[in-house]
Amino acid sequence: MLSQIPESTREEIERAIFEHEKIKAIKLYRRSTGASLMDSKRAIEEFANELRSAHPERFLAEPVRSGCLGVIGVSFALLGALLWRVTG
C-alpha cells in the first residue's frame, strides 16, 4: 500500500498517524502518490489500523479537545451582562 512512496515520506506519515494528525498524513500521501482524496483517506486509515495493531504503545494519548470552552466563556459573558443590566 505505501510501498510506492519514498521511505522518508513513509516515516513522516507514520509519525503523523502516531501523533493523531490524520489530515497531515493524508496530505503527505496525496502529495507523494497523486491519489484522490478518498483513495488517500482509505489508504491512511488502513495503514493506521495496521500500525495500531502492530504498535499500540507508540500512539500518543488522544489529545483533549476543548471546544466547549468557548461556549462556556460566551455563556458567562452573557450571564454577566444580564446580571449587570438587571442590577444596574
N, C-alpha and C. Protein backbone atom coordinates (compact mmCIF):
# COMPACT_ATOMS: atom_id res chain seq x y z
N MET A 1 0.83 -1.19 0.00
CA MET A 1 0.00 0.00 0.00
C MET A 1 0.87 1.25 0.00
N LEU A 2 1.77 1.39 0.97
CA LEU A 2 2.64 2.55 0.99
C LEU A 2 4.03 2.22 0.43
N SER A 3 4.13 1.08 -0.23
CA SER A 3 5.43 0.65 -0.75
C SER A 3 5.93 1.52 -1.90
N GLN A 4 5.02 2.23 -2.58
CA GLN A 4 5.42 3.03 -3.73
C GLN A 4 5.91 4.43 -3.36
N ILE A 5 5.94 4.76 -2.09
CA ILE A 5 6.38 6.11 -1.69
C ILE A 5 7.76 6.04 -1.07
N PRO A 6 8.50 7.14 -1.11
CA PRO A 6 9.85 7.15 -0.52
C PRO A 6 9.81 6.86 0.99
N GLU A 7 10.86 6.24 1.47
CA GLU A 7 10.95 5.86 2.89
C GLU A 7 10.81 7.07 3.82
N SER A 8 11.40 8.20 3.44
CA SER A 8 11.32 9.39 4.29
C SER A 8 9.88 9.89 4.42
N THR A 9 9.13 9.81 3.34
CA THR A 9 7.72 10.22 3.38
C THR A 9 6.92 9.23 4.20
N ARG A 10 7.21 7.97 4.05
CA ARG A 10 6.53 6.94 4.85
C ARG A 10 6.75 7.18 6.33
N GLU A 11 7.97 7.53 6.70
CA GLU A 11 8.26 7.81 8.11
C GLU A 11 7.49 9.03 8.61
N GLU A 12 7.38 10.06 7.76
CA GLU A 12 6.59 11.24 8.12
C GLU A 12 5.12 10.88 8.32
N ILE A 13 4.62 10.03 7.43
CA ILE A 13 3.22 9.59 7.53
C ILE A 13 3.01 8.81 8.82
N GLU A 14 3.93 7.90 9.13
CA GLU A 14 3.84 7.14 10.38
C GLU A 14 3.82 8.07 11.58
N ARG A 15 4.73 9.02 11.59
CA ARG A 15 4.81 9.97 12.72
C ARG A 15 3.49 10.73 12.87
N ALA A 16 2.94 11.18 11.74
CA ALA A 16 1.68 11.91 11.79
C ALA A 16 0.57 11.03 12.34
N ILE A 17 0.53 9.78 11.93
CA ILE A 17 -0.50 8.87 12.41
C ILE A 17 -0.33 8.63 13.91
N PHE A 18 0.88 8.38 14.36
CA PHE A 18 1.12 8.14 15.78
C PHE A 18 0.75 9.36 16.62
N GLU A 19 0.83 10.55 16.03
CA GLU A 19 0.51 11.78 16.75
C GLU A 19 -0.93 12.24 16.51
N HIS A 20 -1.76 11.36 15.93
CA HIS A 20 -3.18 11.64 15.67
C HIS A 20 -3.38 12.81 14.71
N GLU A 21 -2.48 12.97 13.75
CA GLU A 21 -2.59 14.02 12.74
C GLU A 21 -2.93 13.38 11.40
N LYS A 22 -4.14 12.82 11.33
CA LYS A 22 -4.56 12.07 10.16
C LYS A 22 -4.62 12.94 8.90
N ILE A 23 -5.07 14.16 9.04
CA ILE A 23 -5.16 15.05 7.88
C ILE A 23 -3.77 15.29 7.29
N LYS A 24 -2.80 15.50 8.15
CA LYS A 24 -1.42 15.70 7.69
C LYS A 24 -0.93 14.44 6.96
N ALA A 25 -1.24 13.27 7.50
CA ALA A 25 -0.82 12.02 6.88
C ALA A 25 -1.46 11.87 5.50
N ILE A 26 -2.73 12.22 5.38
CA ILE A 26 -3.43 12.13 4.10
C ILE A 26 -2.80 13.09 3.09
N LYS A 27 -2.48 14.31 3.52
CA LYS A 27 -1.84 15.28 2.62
C LYS A 27 -0.49 14.78 2.13
N LEU A 28 0.29 14.21 3.03
CA LEU A 28 1.59 13.68 2.65
C LEU A 28 1.45 12.55 1.64
N TYR A 29 0.49 11.68 1.89
CA TYR A 29 0.26 10.55 0.99
C TYR A 29 -0.18 11.04 -0.39
N ARG A 30 -1.12 11.98 -0.41
CA ARG A 30 -1.61 12.52 -1.69
C ARG A 30 -0.48 13.18 -2.47
N ARG A 31 0.33 13.99 -1.77
CA ARG A 31 1.42 14.69 -2.44
C ARG A 31 2.41 13.70 -3.04
N SER A 32 2.64 12.60 -2.34
CA SER A 32 3.62 11.63 -2.80
C SER A 32 3.10 10.73 -3.91
N THR A 33 1.79 10.41 -3.88
CA THR A 33 1.25 9.44 -4.84
C THR A 33 0.39 10.05 -5.93
N GLY A 34 -0.17 11.23 -5.67
CA GLY A 34 -1.12 11.81 -6.63
C GLY A 34 -2.49 11.16 -6.57
N ALA A 35 -2.74 10.37 -5.54
CA ALA A 35 -4.02 9.67 -5.39
C ALA A 35 -5.13 10.67 -5.06
N SER A 36 -6.37 10.24 -5.29
CA SER A 36 -7.51 11.09 -4.96
C SER A 36 -7.64 11.21 -3.44
N LEU A 37 -8.45 12.16 -3.02
CA LEU A 37 -8.66 12.36 -1.58
C LEU A 37 -9.25 11.11 -0.94
N MET A 38 -10.26 10.53 -1.56
CA MET A 38 -10.90 9.33 -0.99
C MET A 38 -9.94 8.15 -0.94
N ASP A 39 -9.18 7.94 -2.01
CA ASP A 39 -8.22 6.84 -2.02
C ASP A 39 -7.13 7.06 -0.97
N SER A 40 -6.70 8.29 -0.83
CA SER A 40 -5.69 8.61 0.17
C SER A 40 -6.22 8.39 1.58
N LYS A 41 -7.45 8.82 1.82
CA LYS A 41 -8.07 8.64 3.13
C LYS A 41 -8.18 7.16 3.47
N ARG A 42 -8.63 6.35 2.52
CA ARG A 42 -8.73 4.90 2.74
C ARG A 42 -7.37 4.28 3.03
N ALA A 43 -6.38 4.66 2.25
CA ALA A 43 -5.04 4.11 2.43
C ALA A 43 -4.48 4.45 3.81
N ILE A 44 -4.66 5.70 4.23
CA ILE A 44 -4.14 6.12 5.53
C ILE A 44 -4.90 5.45 6.66
N GLU A 45 -6.21 5.31 6.52
CA GLU A 45 -6.98 4.62 7.57
C GLU A 45 -6.56 3.16 7.69
N GLU A 46 -6.34 2.49 6.56
CA GLU A 46 -5.87 1.10 6.59
C GLU A 46 -4.49 1.02 7.24
N PHE A 47 -3.61 1.92 6.85
CA PHE A 47 -2.26 1.93 7.39
C PHE A 47 -2.30 2.22 8.90
N ALA A 48 -3.15 3.16 9.32
CA ALA A 48 -3.28 3.49 10.74
C ALA A 48 -3.77 2.27 11.53
N ASN A 49 -4.71 1.53 10.97
CA ASN A 49 -5.19 0.32 11.64
C ASN A 49 -4.08 -0.71 11.79
N GLU A 50 -3.29 -0.86 10.74
CA GLU A 50 -2.15 -1.79 10.80
C GLU A 50 -1.16 -1.36 11.88
N LEU A 51 -0.85 -0.07 11.90
CA LEU A 51 0.10 0.44 12.90
C LEU A 51 -0.44 0.28 14.31
N ARG A 52 -1.75 0.55 14.49
CA ARG A 52 -2.35 0.45 15.82
C ARG A 52 -2.30 -1.00 16.31
N SER A 53 -2.49 -1.95 15.40
CA SER A 53 -2.43 -3.36 15.78
C SER A 53 -1.00 -3.78 16.11
N ALA A 54 -0.07 -3.31 15.30
CA ALA A 54 1.33 -3.72 15.47
C ALA A 54 2.05 -2.98 16.59
N HIS A 55 1.72 -1.71 16.81
CA HIS A 55 2.46 -0.88 17.77
C HIS A 55 1.52 0.00 18.61
N PRO A 56 0.62 -0.57 19.37
CA PRO A 56 -0.32 0.28 20.13
C PRO A 56 0.37 1.18 21.14
N GLU A 57 1.52 0.76 21.61
CA GLU A 57 2.26 1.55 22.62
C GLU A 57 2.86 2.83 22.05
N ARG A 58 3.00 2.90 20.75
CA ARG A 58 3.63 4.08 20.14
C ARG A 58 2.66 5.24 19.90
N PHE A 59 1.37 4.97 20.04
CA PHE A 59 0.40 6.03 19.82
C PHE A 59 0.37 6.95 21.03
N LEU A 60 0.46 8.24 20.75
CA LEU A 60 0.35 9.21 21.82
C LEU A 60 -1.08 9.19 22.35
N ALA A 61 -1.24 9.67 23.57
CA ALA A 61 -2.59 9.78 24.13
C ALA A 61 -3.41 10.70 23.23
N GLU A 62 -4.67 10.36 23.09
CA GLU A 62 -5.57 11.18 22.26
C GLU A 62 -5.62 12.59 22.84
N PRO A 63 -5.39 13.61 22.00
CA PRO A 63 -5.41 14.98 22.51
C PRO A 63 -6.79 15.36 23.01
N VAL A 64 -6.81 16.15 24.09
CA VAL A 64 -8.07 16.61 24.66
C VAL A 64 -8.52 17.84 23.88
N ARG A 65 -9.72 17.80 23.40
CA ARG A 65 -10.28 18.93 22.65
C ARG A 65 -11.07 19.80 23.62
N SER A 66 -10.96 21.09 23.47
CA SER A 66 -11.65 21.99 24.39
C SER A 66 -12.64 22.87 23.64
N GLY A 67 -13.46 22.28 22.79
CA GLY A 67 -14.42 23.02 22.01
C GLY A 67 -15.50 23.69 22.84
N CYS A 68 -15.80 23.14 24.00
CA CYS A 68 -16.86 23.70 24.84
C CYS A 68 -16.39 24.94 25.60
N LEU A 69 -15.10 25.14 25.68
CA LEU A 69 -14.58 26.27 26.44
C LEU A 69 -15.10 27.60 25.90
N GLY A 70 -15.16 27.76 24.61
CA GLY A 70 -15.67 28.99 24.02
C GLY A 70 -17.14 29.20 24.36
N VAL A 71 -17.92 28.14 24.31
CA VAL A 71 -19.35 28.23 24.64
C VAL A 71 -19.53 28.63 26.10
N ILE A 72 -18.72 28.04 26.97
CA ILE A 72 -18.80 28.38 28.39
C ILE A 72 -18.43 29.84 28.62
N GLY A 73 -17.38 30.30 27.96
CA GLY A 73 -16.96 31.69 28.10
C GLY A 73 -18.03 32.66 27.64
N VAL A 74 -18.64 32.39 26.50
CA VAL A 74 -19.70 33.26 25.99
C VAL A 74 -20.90 33.23 26.93
N SER A 75 -21.21 32.06 27.45
CA SER A 75 -22.34 31.94 28.39
C SER A 75 -22.11 32.79 29.62
N PHE A 76 -20.90 32.75 30.19
CA PHE A 76 -20.60 33.58 31.36
C PHE A 76 -20.67 35.07 31.02
N ALA A 77 -20.20 35.43 29.85
CA ALA A 77 -20.24 36.83 29.44
C ALA A 77 -21.69 37.31 29.32
N LEU A 78 -22.54 36.50 28.71
CA LEU A 78 -23.95 36.87 28.58
C LEU A 78 -24.64 36.92 29.93
N LEU A 79 -24.34 35.97 30.79
CA LEU A 79 -24.91 35.96 32.14
C LEU A 79 -24.48 37.20 32.91
N GLY A 80 -23.20 37.56 32.81
CA GLY A 80 -22.69 38.76 33.47
C GLY A 80 -23.36 40.01 32.95
N ALA A 81 -23.54 40.11 31.64
CA ALA A 81 -24.20 41.28 31.06
C ALA A 81 -25.65 41.36 31.50
N LEU A 82 -26.31 40.22 31.56
CA LEU A 82 -27.70 40.19 32.00
C LEU A 82 -27.82 40.61 33.46
N LEU A 83 -26.96 40.09 34.31
CA LEU A 83 -26.97 40.46 35.74
C LEU A 83 -26.64 41.94 35.93
N TRP A 84 -25.69 42.42 35.16
CA TRP A 84 -25.32 43.85 35.26
C TRP A 84 -26.51 44.73 34.88
N ARG A 85 -27.21 44.33 33.83
CA ARG A 85 -28.38 45.12 33.37
C ARG A 85 -29.52 45.07 34.39
N VAL A 86 -29.77 43.93 34.98
CA VAL A 86 -30.87 43.78 35.93
C VAL A 86 -30.56 44.52 37.24
N THR A 87 -29.32 44.43 37.71
CA THR A 87 -28.97 45.04 39.00
C THR A 87 -28.52 46.48 38.86
N GLY A 88 -28.17 46.88 37.67
CA GLY A 88 -27.60 48.23 37.50
C GLY A 88 -28.56 49.17 36.99
